[in-house]
PDB file of N, CA and C in Angstrom:
ATOM      1  N   MET A   1    -172.658 -76.359-229.414  1.00  0.00           N
ATOM      2  CA  MET A   1    -171.484 -77.056-228.936  1.00  0.00           C
ATOM      3  C   MET A   1    -171.131 -78.151-229.942  1.00  0.00           C
ATOM      4  N   ARG A   2    -169.866 -78.555-229.920  1.00  0.00           N
ATOM      5  CA  ARG A   2    -169.406 -79.574-230.858  1.00  0.00           C
ATOM      6  C   ARG A   2    -169.949 -80.943-230.477  1.00  0.00           C
ATOM      7  N   PRO A   3    -170.184 -81.790-231.462  1.00  0.00           N
ATOM      8  CA  PRO A   3    -170.609 -83.159-231.173  1.00  0.00           C
ATOM      9  C   PRO A   3    -169.596 -83.842-230.249  1.00  0.00           C
ATOM     10  N   GLY A   4    -170.113 -84.591-229.274  1.00  0.00           N
ATOM     11  CA  GLY A   4    -169.254 -85.260-228.315  1.00  0.00           C
ATOM     12  C   GLY A   4    -169.027 -84.451-227.049  1.00  0.00           C
ATOM     13  N   SER A   5    -169.451 -83.198-227.038  1.00  0.00           N
ATOM     14  CA  SER A   5    -169.317 -82.375-225.830  1.00  0.00           C
ATOM     15  C   SER A   5    -170.242 -82.904-224.741  1.00  0.00           C
ATOM     16  N   VAL A   6    -169.896 -82.602-223.491  1.00  0.00           N
ATOM     17  CA  VAL A   6    -170.704 -83.031-222.355  1.00  0.00           C
ATOM     18  C   VAL A   6    -171.017 -81.805-221.501  1.00  0.00           C
ATOM     19  N   ILE A   7    -172.278 -81.663-221.141  1.00  0.00           N
ATOM     20  CA  ILE A   7    -172.720 -80.613-220.216  1.00  0.00           C
ATOM     21  C   ILE A   7    -173.144 -81.298-218.926  1.00  0.00           C
ATOM     22  N   VAL A   8    -172.566 -80.891-217.810  1.00  0.00           N
ATOM     23  CA  VAL A   8    -173.024 -81.344-216.501  1.00  0.00           C
ATOM     24  C   VAL A   8    -173.799 -80.166-215.930  1.00  0.00           C
ATOM     25  N   ASP A   9    -175.106 -80.265-215.989  1.00  0.00           N
ATOM     26  CA  ASP A   9    -175.967 -79.153-215.590  1.00  0.00           C
ATOM     27  C   ASP A   9    -176.245 -79.221-214.091  1.00  0.00           C
ATOM     28  N   LEU A  10    -175.513 -78.415-213.325  1.00  0.00           N
ATOM     29  CA  LEU A  10    -175.649 -78.425-211.867  1.00  0.00           C
ATOM     30  C   LEU A  10    -176.930 -77.751-211.392  1.00  0.00           C
ATOM     31  N   ALA A  11    -177.670 -77.141-212.307  1.00  0.00           N
ATOM     32  CA  ALA A  11    -178.943 -76.504-211.953  1.00  0.00           C
ATOM     33  C   ALA A  11    -180.128 -77.353-212.402  1.00  0.00           C
ATOM     34  N   ALA A  12    -179.905 -78.630-212.659  1.00  0.00           N
ATOM     35  CA  ALA A  12    -180.963 -79.504-213.182  1.00  0.00           C
ATOM     36  C   ALA A  12    -182.190 -79.549-212.278  1.00  0.00           C
ATOM     37  N   GLU A  13    -181.985 -79.535-210.975  1.00  0.00           N
ATOM     38  CA  GLU A  13    -183.109 -79.629-210.036  1.00  0.00           C
ATOM     39  C   GLU A  13    -184.067 -78.449-210.188  1.00  0.00           C
ATOM     40  N   ALA A  14    -183.533 -77.295-210.575  1.00  0.00           N
ATOM     41  CA  ALA A  14    -184.361 -76.100-210.731  1.00  0.00           C
ATOM     42  C   ALA A  14    -184.765 -75.876-212.186  1.00  0.00           C
ATOM     43  N   GLY A  15    -184.634 -76.896-213.008  1.00  0.00           N
ATOM     44  CA  GLY A  15    -185.023 -76.759-214.406  1.00  0.00           C
ATOM     45  C   GLY A  15    -183.854 -76.755-215.362  1.00  0.00           C
ATOM     46  N   GLY A  16    -182.669 -76.487-214.833  1.00  0.00           N
ATOM     47  CA  GLY A  16    -181.465 -76.572-215.649  1.00  0.00           C
ATOM     48  C   GLY A  16    -181.097 -75.304-216.388  1.00  0.00           C
ATOM     49  N   ASN A  17    -179.850 -75.273-216.827  1.00  0.00           N
ATOM     50  CA  ASN A  17    -179.340 -74.154-217.620  1.00  0.00           C
ATOM     51  C   ASN A  17    -179.329 -74.465-219.108  1.00  0.00           C
ATOM     52  N   ALA A  18    -179.402 -75.741-219.459  1.00  0.00           N
ATOM     53  CA  ALA A  18    -179.448 -76.145-220.857  1.00  0.00           C
ATOM     54  C   ALA A  18    -180.899 -76.436-221.234  1.00  0.00           C
ATOM     55  N   ALA A  19    -181.267 -76.087-222.440  1.00  0.00           N
ATOM     56  CA  ALA A  19    -182.665 -76.222-222.859  1.00  0.00           C
ATOM     57  C   ALA A  19    -183.180 -77.657-222.782  1.00  0.00           C
ATOM     58  N   LEU A  20    -182.322 -78.641-222.998  1.00  0.00           N
ATOM     59  CA  LEU A  20    -182.757 -80.033-223.030  1.00  0.00           C
ATOM     60  C   LEU A  20    -182.539 -80.788-221.718  1.00  0.00           C
ATOM     61  N   THR A  21    -182.108 -80.110-220.675  1.00  0.00           N
ATOM     62  CA  THR A  21    -181.862 -80.771-219.392  1.00  0.00           C
ATOM     63  C   THR A  21    -183.140 -81.385-218.847  1.00  0.00           C
ATOM     64  N   LYS A  22    -183.010 -82.623-218.368  1.00  0.00           N
ATOM     65  CA  LYS A  22    -184.104 -83.299-217.671  1.00  0.00           C
ATOM     66  C   LYS A  22    -183.555 -83.763-216.333  1.00  0.00           C
ATOM     67  N   PRO A  23    -184.199 -83.351-215.217  1.00  0.00           N
ATOM     68  CA  PRO A  23    -183.698 -83.734-213.890  1.00  0.00           C
ATOM     69  C   PRO A  23    -183.528 -85.249-213.754  1.00  0.00           C
ATOM     70  N   ASP A  24    -182.375 -85.639-213.204  1.00  0.00           N
ATOM     71  CA  ASP A  24    -182.021 -87.029-212.944  1.00  0.00           C
ATOM     72  C   ASP A  24    -181.983 -87.904-214.197  1.00  0.00           C
ATOM     73  N   GLU A  25    -181.714 -87.287-215.331  1.00  0.00           N
ATOM     74  CA  GLU A  25    -181.566 -88.038-216.577  1.00  0.00           C
ATOM     75  C   GLU A  25    -180.343 -87.541-217.324  1.00  0.00           C
ATOM     76  N   THR A  26    -179.821 -88.417-218.162  1.00  0.00           N
ATOM     77  CA  THR A  26    -178.770 -88.033-219.100  1.00  0.00           C
ATOM     78  C   THR A  26    -179.376 -88.117-220.484  1.00  0.00           C
ATOM     79  N   VAL A  27    -179.343 -87.021-221.214  1.00  0.00           N
ATOM     80  CA  VAL A  27    -179.921 -86.983-222.560  1.00  0.00           C
ATOM     81  C   VAL A  27    -178.844 -86.625-223.571  1.00  0.00           C
ATOM     82  N   ARG A  28    -179.060 -87.037-224.787  1.00  0.00           N
ATOM     83  CA  ARG A  28    -178.146 -86.710-225.879  1.00  0.00           C
ATOM     84  C   ARG A  28    -178.926 -85.887-226.892  1.00  0.00           C
ATOM     85  N   SER A  29    -178.380 -84.743-227.255  1.00  0.00           N
ATOM     86  CA  SER A  29    -179.056 -83.876-228.216  1.00  0.00           C
ATOM     87  C   SER A  29    -178.903 -84.449-229.624  1.00  0.00           C
ATOM     88  N   ALA A  30    -179.611 -83.861-230.554  1.00  0.00           N
ATOM     89  CA  ALA A  30    -179.574 -84.321-231.945  1.00  0.00           C
ATOM     90  C   ALA A  30    -178.173 -84.232-232.539  1.00  0.00           C
ATOM     91  N   ASN A  31    -177.363 -83.276-232.074  1.00  0.00           N
ATOM     92  CA  ASN A  31    -176.008 -83.146-232.631  1.00  0.00           C
ATOM     93  C   ASN A  31    -174.947 -83.837-231.772  1.00  0.00           C
ATOM     94  N   GLY A  32    -175.372 -84.725-230.843  1.00  0.00           N
ATOM     95  CA  GLY A  32    -174.418 -85.546-230.113  1.00  0.00           C
ATOM     96  C   GLY A  32    -173.858 -84.948-228.836  1.00  0.00           C
ATOM     97  N   VAL A  33    -174.459 -83.876-228.341  1.00  0.00           N
ATOM     98  CA  VAL A  33    -174.030 -83.305-227.060  1.00  0.00           C
ATOM     99  C   VAL A  33    -174.766 -84.044-225.948  1.00  0.00           C
ATOM    100  N   GLN A  34    -174.016 -84.520-224.973  1.00  0.00           N
ATOM    101  CA  GLN A  34    -174.600 -85.250-223.844  1.00  0.00           C
ATOM    102  C   GLN A  34    -174.850 -84.261-222.716  1.00  0.00           C
ATOM    103  N   ILE A  35    -176.056 -84.314-222.138  1.00  0.00           N
ATOM    104  CA  ILE A  35    -176.427 -83.412-221.040  1.00  0.00           C
ATOM    105  C   ILE A  35    -176.765 -84.262-219.822  1.00  0.00           C
ATOM    106  N   ILE A  36    -175.963 -84.086-218.760  1.00  0.00           N
ATOM    107  CA  ILE A  36    -176.164 -84.834-217.521  1.00  0.00           C
ATOM    108  C   ILE A  36    -176.934 -83.940-216.560  1.00  0.00           C
ATOM    109  N   GLY A  37    -178.113 -84.407-216.140  1.00  0.00           N
ATOM    110  CA  GLY A  37    -178.983 -83.609-215.274  1.00  0.00           C
ATOM    111  C   GLY A  37    -179.102 -84.177-213.874  1.00  0.00           C
ATOM    112  N   GLN A  38    -178.037 -84.766-213.367  1.00  0.00           N
ATOM    113  CA  GLN A  38    -178.048 -85.359-212.020  1.00  0.00           C
ATOM    114  C   GLN A  38    -178.371 -84.271-210.994  1.00  0.00           C
ATOM    115  N   THR A  39    -179.356 -84.509-210.129  1.00  0.00           N
ATOM    116  CA  THR A  39    -179.759 -83.477-209.160  1.00  0.00           C
ATOM    117  C   THR A  39    -178.981 -83.537-207.856  1.00  0.00           C
ATOM    118  N   ASN A  40    -178.272 -84.630-207.585  1.00  0.00           N
ATOM    119  CA  ASN A  40    -177.465 -84.697-206.372  1.00  0.00           C
ATOM    120  C   ASN A  40    -176.118 -85.316-206.733  1.00  0.00           C
ATOM    121  N   LEU A  41    -175.381 -84.635-207.563  1.00  0.00           N
ATOM    122  CA  LEU A  41    -174.132 -85.156-208.115  1.00  0.00           C
ATOM    123  C   LEU A  41    -173.108 -85.478-207.033  1.00  0.00           C
ATOM    124  N   ALA A  42    -172.986 -84.634-206.030  1.00  0.00           N
ATOM    125  CA  ALA A  42    -171.982 -84.848-204.985  1.00  0.00           C
ATOM    126  C   ALA A  42    -172.200 -86.172-204.248  1.00  0.00           C
ATOM    127  N   ALA A  43    -173.446 -86.546-204.048  1.00  0.00           N
ATOM    128  CA  ALA A  43    -173.740 -87.783-203.327  1.00  0.00           C
ATOM    129  C   ALA A  43    -173.399 -89.025-204.139  1.00  0.00           C
ATOM    130  N   THR A  44    -173.198 -88.857-205.436  1.00  0.00           N
ATOM    131  CA  THR A  44    -172.903 -90.014-206.274  1.00  0.00           C
ATOM    132  C   THR A  44    -171.423 -90.345-206.322  1.00  0.00           C
ATOM    133  N   MET A  45    -170.582 -89.521-205.726  1.00  0.00           N
ATOM    134  CA  MET A  45    -169.150 -89.773-205.833  1.00  0.00           C
ATOM    135  C   MET A  45    -168.344 -89.541-204.556  1.00  0.00           C
ATOM    136  N   PRO A  46    -168.851 -89.900-203.368  1.00  0.00           N
ATOM    137  CA  PRO A  46    -168.049 -89.687-202.162  1.00  0.00           C
ATOM    138  C   PRO A  46    -166.769 -90.510-202.149  1.00  0.00           C
ATOM    139  N   TYR A  47    -166.806 -91.704-202.717  1.00  0.00           N
ATOM    140  CA  TYR A  47    -165.614 -92.554-202.768  1.00  0.00           C
ATOM    141  C   TYR A  47    -164.513 -91.856-203.562  1.00  0.00           C
ATOM    142  N   HIS A  48    -164.870 -91.317-204.711  1.00  0.00           N
ATOM    143  CA  HIS A  48    -163.882 -90.651-205.555  1.00  0.00           C
ATOM    144  C   HIS A  48    -163.378 -89.348-204.931  1.00  0.00           C
ATOM    145  N   ALA A  49    -164.262 -88.646-204.249  1.00  0.00           N
ATOM    146  CA  ALA A  49    -163.841 -87.427-203.560  1.00  0.00           C
ATOM    147  C   ALA A  49    -162.833 -87.760-202.471  1.00  0.00           C
ATOM    148  N   SER A  50    -163.076 -88.845-201.743  1.00  0.00           N
ATOM    149  CA  SER A  50    -162.142 -89.271-200.694  1.00  0.00           C
ATOM    150  C   SER A  50    -160.799 -89.677-201.293  1.00  0.00           C
ATOM    151  N   GLN A  51    -160.837 -90.379-202.422  1.00  0.00           N
ATOM    152  CA  GLN A  51    -159.595 -90.765-203.101  1.00  0.00           C
ATOM    153  C   GLN A  51    -158.800 -89.532-203.516  1.00  0.00           C
ATOM    154  N   LEU A  52    -159.477 -88.572-204.118  1.00  0.00           N
ATOM    155  CA  LEU A  52    -158.808 -87.356-204.570  1.00  0.00           C
ATOM    156  C   LEU A  52    -158.189 -86.606-203.395  1.00  0.00           C
ATOM    157  N   TYR A  53    -158.937 -86.466-202.313  1.00  0.00           N
ATOM    158  CA  TYR A  53    -158.432 -85.766-201.136  1.00  0.00           C
ATOM    159  C   TYR A  53    -157.201 -86.477-200.567  1.00  0.00           C
ATOM    160  N   SER A  54    -157.281 -87.799-200.427  1.00  0.00           N
ATOM    161  CA  SER A  54    -156.151 -88.525-199.847  1.00  0.00           C
ATOM    162  C   SER A  54    -154.922 -88.458-200.744  1.00  0.00           C
ATOM    163  N   ARG A  55    -155.110 -88.479-202.046  1.00  0.00           N
ATOM    164  CA  ARG A  55    -153.963 -88.358-202.958  1.00  0.00           C
ATOM    165  C   ARG A  55    -153.318 -86.978-202.828  1.00  0.00           C
ATOM    166  N   ASN A  56    -154.146 -85.949-202.665  1.00  0.00           N
ATOM    167  CA  ASN A  56    -153.606 -84.595-202.505  1.00  0.00           C
ATOM    168  C   ASN A  56    -152.835 -84.447-201.198  1.00  0.00           C
ATOM    169  N   VAL A  57    -153.372 -85.004-200.112  1.00  0.00           N
ATOM    170  CA  VAL A  57    -152.674 -84.940-198.822  1.00  0.00           C
ATOM    171  C   VAL A  57    -151.365 -85.727-198.902  1.00  0.00           C
ATOM    172  N   PHE A  58    -151.394 -86.892-199.532  1.00  0.00           N
ATOM    173  CA  PHE A  58    -150.190 -87.706-199.705  1.00  0.00           C
ATOM    174  C   PHE A  58    -149.131 -86.936-200.484  1.00  0.00           C
ATOM    175  N   ALA A  59    -149.533 -86.289-201.580  1.00  0.00           N
ATOM    176  CA  ALA A  59    -148.590 -85.502-202.390  1.00  0.00           C
ATOM    177  C   ALA A  59    -148.033 -84.323-201.593  1.00  0.00           C
ATOM    178  N   LEU A  60    -148.886 -83.659-200.813  1.00  0.00           N
ATOM    179  CA  LEU A  60    -148.430 -82.544-199.983  1.00  0.00           C
ATOM    180  C   LEU A  60    -147.394 -83.017-198.973  1.00  0.00           C
ATOM    181  N   MET A  61    -147.687 -84.123-198.296  1.00  0.00           N
ATOM    182  CA  MET A  61    -146.735 -84.630-197.305  1.00  0.00           C
ATOM    183  C   MET A  61    -145.426 -85.059-197.971  1.00  0.00           C
ATOM    184  N   GLY A  62    -145.512 -85.584-199.181  1.00  0.00           N
ATOM    185  CA  GLY A  62    -144.298 -85.936-199.919  1.00  0.00           C
ATOM    186  C   GLY A  62    -143.449 -84.718-200.223  1.00  0.00           C
ATOM    187  N   ALA A  63    -144.103 -83.592-200.494  1.00  0.00           N
ATOM    188  CA  ALA A  63    -143.371 -82.353-200.792  1.00  0.00           C
ATOM    189  C   ALA A  63    -142.755 -81.734-199.540  1.00  0.00           C
ATOM    190  N   LEU A  64    -143.315 -82.039-198.375  1.00  0.00           N
ATOM    191  CA  LEU A  64    -142.854 -81.418-197.132  1.00  0.00           C
ATOM    192  C   LEU A  64    -141.941 -82.315-196.302  1.00  0.00           C
ATOM    193  N   THR A  65    -141.684 -83.534-196.780  1.00  0.00           N
ATOM    194  CA  THR A  65    -140.836 -84.451-196.022  1.00  0.00           C
ATOM    195  C   THR A  65    -139.670 -84.952-196.863  1.00  0.00           C
ATOM    196  N   LYS A  66    -138.645 -85.388-196.169  1.00  0.00           N
ATOM    197  CA  LYS A  66    -137.492 -85.996-196.828  1.00  0.00           C
ATOM    198  C   LYS A  66    -136.986 -87.083-195.904  1.00  0.00           C
ATOM    199  N   ASP A  67    -136.827 -88.279-196.450  1.00  0.00           N
ATOM    200  CA  ASP A  67    -136.375 -89.431-195.672  1.00  0.00           C
ATOM    201  C   ASP A  67    -137.258 -89.664-194.446  1.00  0.00           C
ATOM    202  N   GLY A  68    -138.569 -89.446-194.605  1.00  0.00           N
ATOM    203  CA  GLY A  68    -139.516 -89.722-193.533  1.00  0.00           C
ATOM    204  C   GLY A  68    -139.598 -88.661-192.451  1.00  0.00           C
ATOM    205  N   ALA A  69    -138.885 -87.564-192.609  1.00  0.00           N
ATOM    206  CA  ALA A  69    -138.908 -86.497-191.594  1.00  0.00           C
ATOM    207  C   ALA A  69    -139.388 -85.190-192.226  1.00  0.00           C
ATOM    208  N   LEU A  70    -140.079 -84.406-191.430  1.00  0.00           N
ATOM    209  CA  LEU A  70    -140.559 -83.116-191.895  1.00  0.00           C
ATOM    210  C   LEU A  70    -139.367 -82.206-192.192  1.00  0.00           C
ATOM    211  N   GLN A  71    -139.295 -81.696-193.404  1.00  0.00           N
ATOM    212  CA  GLN A  71    -138.219 -80.795-193.825  1.00  0.00           C
ATOM    213  C   GLN A  71    -138.855 -79.589-194.504  1.00  0.00           C
ATOM    214  N   LEU A  72    -139.100 -78.546-193.757  1.00  0.00           N
ATOM    215  CA  LEU A  72    -139.746 -77.365-194.319  1.00  0.00           C
ATOM    216  C   LEU A  72    -138.708 -76.411-194.889  1.00  0.00           C
ATOM    217  N   ASN A  73    -138.755 -76.242-196.185  1.00  0.00           N
ATOM    218  CA  ASN A  73    -137.891 -75.301-196.886  1.00  0.00           C
ATOM    219  C   ASN A  73    -138.757 -74.099-197.234  1.00  0.00           C
ATOM    220  N   PHE A  74    -138.593 -73.013-196.527  1.00  0.00           N
ATOM    221  CA  PHE A  74    -139.468 -71.869-196.708  1.00  0.00           C
ATOM    222  C   PHE A  74    -139.170 -71.072-197.976  1.00  0.00           C
ATOM    223  N   GLU A  75    -138.166 -71.494-198.728  1.00  0.00           N
ATOM    224  CA  GLU A  75    -137.938 -70.927-200.060  1.00  0.00           C
ATOM    225  C   GLU A  75    -138.904 -71.569-201.057  1.00  0.00           C
ATOM    226  N   ASP A  76    -139.424 -72.759-200.715  1.00  0.00           N
ATOM    227  CA  ASP A  76    -140.360 -73.478-201.567  1.00  0.00           C
ATOM    228  C   ASP A  76    -141.759 -72.886-201.396  1.00  0.00           C
ATOM    229  N   GLU A  77    -142.439 -72.606-202.517  1.00  0.00           N
ATOM    230  CA  GLU A  77    -143.744 -71.954-202.428  1.00  0.00           C
ATOM    231  C   GLU A  77    -144.804 -72.829-201.763  1.00  0.00           C
ATOM    232  N   ILE A  78    -144.689 -74.147-201.864  1.00  0.00           N
ATOM    233  CA  ILE A  78    -145.653 -75.032-201.205  1.00  0.00           C
ATOM    234  C   ILE A  78    -145.492 -74.951-199.693  1.00  0.00           C
ATOM    235  N   ALA A  79    -144.273 -75.091-199.206  1.00  0.00           N
ATOM    236  CA  ALA A  79    -144.028 -74.996-197.756  1.00  0.00           C
ATOM    237  C   ALA A  79    -144.412 -73.615-197.242  1.00  0.00           C
ATOM    238  N   ARG A  80    -144.010 -72.595-197.959  1.00  0.00           N
ATOM    239  CA  ARG A  80    -144.303 -71.218-197.541  1.00  0.00           C
ATOM    240  C   ARG A  80    -145.816 -70.961-197.561  1.00  0.00           C
ATOM    241  N   GLY A  81    -146.500 -71.443-198.592  1.00  0.00           N
ATOM    242  CA  GLY A  81    -147.928 -71.173-198.747  1.00  0.00           C
ATOM    243  C   GLY A  81    -148.820 -71.948-197.806  1.00  0.00           C
ATOM    244  N   THR A  82    -148.313 -73.030-197.244  1.00  0.00           N
ATOM    245  CA  THR A  82    -149.131 -73.841-196.330  1.00  0.00           C
ATOM    246  C   THR A  82    -148.775 -73.613-194.872  1.00  0.00           C
ATOM    247  N   THR A  83    -147.839 -72.728-194.614  1.00  0.00           N
ATOM    248  CA  THR A  83    -147.453 -72.431-193.232  1.00  0.00           C
ATOM    249  C   THR A  83    -148.220 -71.203-192.759  1.00  0.00           C
ATOM    250  N   ILE A  84    -148.944 -71.345-191.674  1.00  0.00           N
ATOM    251  CA  ILE A  84    -149.719 -70.232-191.120  1.00  0.00           C
ATOM    252  C   ILE A  84    -148.900 -69.490-190.077  1.00  0.00           C
ATOM    253  N   VAL A  85    -148.290 -70.239-189.144  1.00  0.00           N
ATOM    254  CA  VAL A  85    -147.524 -69.648-188.050  1.00  0.00           C
ATOM    255  C   VAL A  85    -146.123 -70.234-188.058  1.00  0.00           C
ATOM    256  N   ARG A  86    -145.132 -69.381-187.890  1.00  0.00           N
ATOM    257  CA  ARG A  86    -143.735 -69.820-187.808  1.00  0.00           C
ATOM    258  C   ARG A  86    -143.066 -69.047-186.681  1.00  0.00           C
ATOM    259  N   ASN A  87    -142.457 -69.775-185.767  1.00  0.00           N
ATOM    260  CA  ASN A  87    -141.792 -69.169-184.612  1.00  0.00           C
ATOM    261  C   ASN A  87    -142.717 -68.223-183.850  1.00  0.00           C
ATOM    262  N   GLY A  88    -143.976 -68.635-183.696  1.00  0.00           N
ATOM    263  CA  GLY A  88    -144.942 -67.863-182.925  1.00  0.00           C
ATOM    264  C   GLY A  88    -145.505 -66.648-183.639  1.00  0.00           C
ATOM    265  N   GLU A  89    -145.203 -66.479-184.907  1.00  0.00           N
ATOM    266  CA  GLU A  89    -145.657 -65.308-185.665  1.00  0.00           C
ATOM    267  C   GLU A  89    -146.460 -65.761-186.877  1.00  0.00           C
ATOM    268  N   ILE A  90    -147.575 -65.096-187.150  1.00  0.00           N
ATOM    269  CA  ILE A  90    -148.369 -65.419-188.335  1.00  0.00           C
ATOM    270  C   ILE A  90    -147.602 -64.943-189.564  1.00  0.00           C
ATOM    271  N   VAL A  91    -147.317 -65.881-190.472  1.00  0.00           N
ATOM    272  CA  VAL A  91    -146.535 -65.561-191.672  1.00  0.00           C
ATOM    273  C   VAL A  91    -147.329 -65.744-192.964  1.00  0.00           C
ATOM    274  N   HIS A  92    -148.557 -66.201-192.863  1.00  0.00           N
ATOM    275  CA  HIS A  92    -149.406 -66.468-194.022  1.00  0.00           C
ATOM    276  C   HIS A  92    -150.173 -65.197-194.365  1.00  0.00           C
ATOM    277  N   LYS A  93    -149.857 -64.589-195.523  1.00  0.00           N
ATOM    278  CA  LYS A  93    -150.424 -63.290-195.875  1.00  0.00           C
ATOM    279  C   LYS A  93    -151.959 -63.273-195.905  1.00  0.00           C
ATOM    280  N   PRO A  94    -152.624 -64.264-196.529  1.00  0.00           N
ATOM    281  CA  PRO A  94    -154.093 -64.233-196.499  1.00  0.00           C
ATOM    282  C   PRO A  94    -154.668 -64.263-195.084  1.00  0.00           C
ATOM    283  N   THR A  95    -154.026 -64.984-194.180  1.00  0.00           N
ATOM    284  CA  THR A  95    -154.484 -65.020-192.791  1.00  0.00           C
ATOM    285  C   THR A  95    -154.266 -63.671-192.128  1.00  0.00           C
ATOM    286  N   LEU A  96    -153.100 -63.089-192.356  1.00  0.00           N
ATOM    287  CA  LEU A  96    -152.834 -61.752-191.814  1.00  0.00           C
ATOM    288  C   LEU A  96    -153.849 -60.744-192.308  1.00  0.00           C
ATOM    289  N   ASP A  97    -154.127 -60.790-193.608  1.00  0.00           N
ATOM    290  CA  ASP A  97    -155.096 -59.872-194.210  1.00  0.00           C
ATOM    291  C   ASP A  97    -156.496 -60.065-193.597  1.00  0.00           C
ATOM    292  N   ALA A  98    -156.890 -61.326-193.418  1.00  0.00           N
ATOM    293  CA  ALA A  98    -158.219 -61.611-192.854  1.00  0.00           C
ATOM    294  C   ALA A  98    -158.315 -61.113-191.412  1.00  0.00           C
ATOM    295  N   LEU A  99    -157.249 -61.283-190.663  1.00  0.00           N
ATOM    296  CA  LEU A  99    -157.266 -60.844-189.274  1.00  0.00           C
ATOM    297  C   LEU A  99    -157.232 -59.334-189.135  1.00  0.00           C
ATOM    298  N   SER A 100    -156.630 -58.668-190.106  1.00  0.00           N
ATOM    299  CA  SER A 100    -156.554 -57.207-190.044  1.00  0.00           C
ATOM    300  C   SER A 100    -157.755 -56.547-190.705  1.00  0.00           C
ATOM    301  N   GLY A 101    -158.617 -57.374-191.332  1.00  0.00           N
ATOM    302  CA  GLY A 101    -159.804 -56.816-191.985  1.00  0.00           C
ATOM    303  C   GLY A 101    -159.528 -56.293-193.378  1.00  0.00           C
ATOM    304  N   ALA A 102    -158.318 -56.535-193.892  1.00  0.00           N
ATOM    305  CA  ALA A 102    -157.974 -56.077-195.232  1.00  0.00           C
ATOM    306  C   ALA A 102    -158.663 -56.956-196.266  1.00  0.00           C
ATOM    307  N   THR A 103    -158.917 -56.374-197.432  1.00  0.00           N
ATOM    308  CA  THR A 103    -159.482 -57.142-198.532  1.00  0.00           C
ATOM    309  C   THR A 103    -158.506 -57.120-199.703  1.00  0.00           C
ATOM    310  N   ALA A 104    -158.573 -58.181-200.493  1.00  0.00           N
ATOM    311  CA  ALA A 104    -157.650 -58.296-201.638  1.00  0.00           C
ATOM    312  C   ALA A 104    -158.065 -57.388-202.760  1.00  0.00           C
TER     313      ALA A 104
END
């Protein structure tokens, strides 16, 4: 890998996928590649995960509202793709497929 590259080895607890991985350590190889061997990475960033989720929900609601009111334009792929049921009928293709037992 090029100098300055970063490997986040999600298999560090089991020995890692990179030869130089050390569980719960960050090491730098001789050629400048940084290897992060955090064994519980998800637990180290719940605050950031919550921020990311809330920003995504905020952006979604912004796309589905106008002047503070829900305005669903079913020509828009976001509105269409996030609608499961419309007028009492399932309109979301992946949901229909799952209910009918079809596979993609």
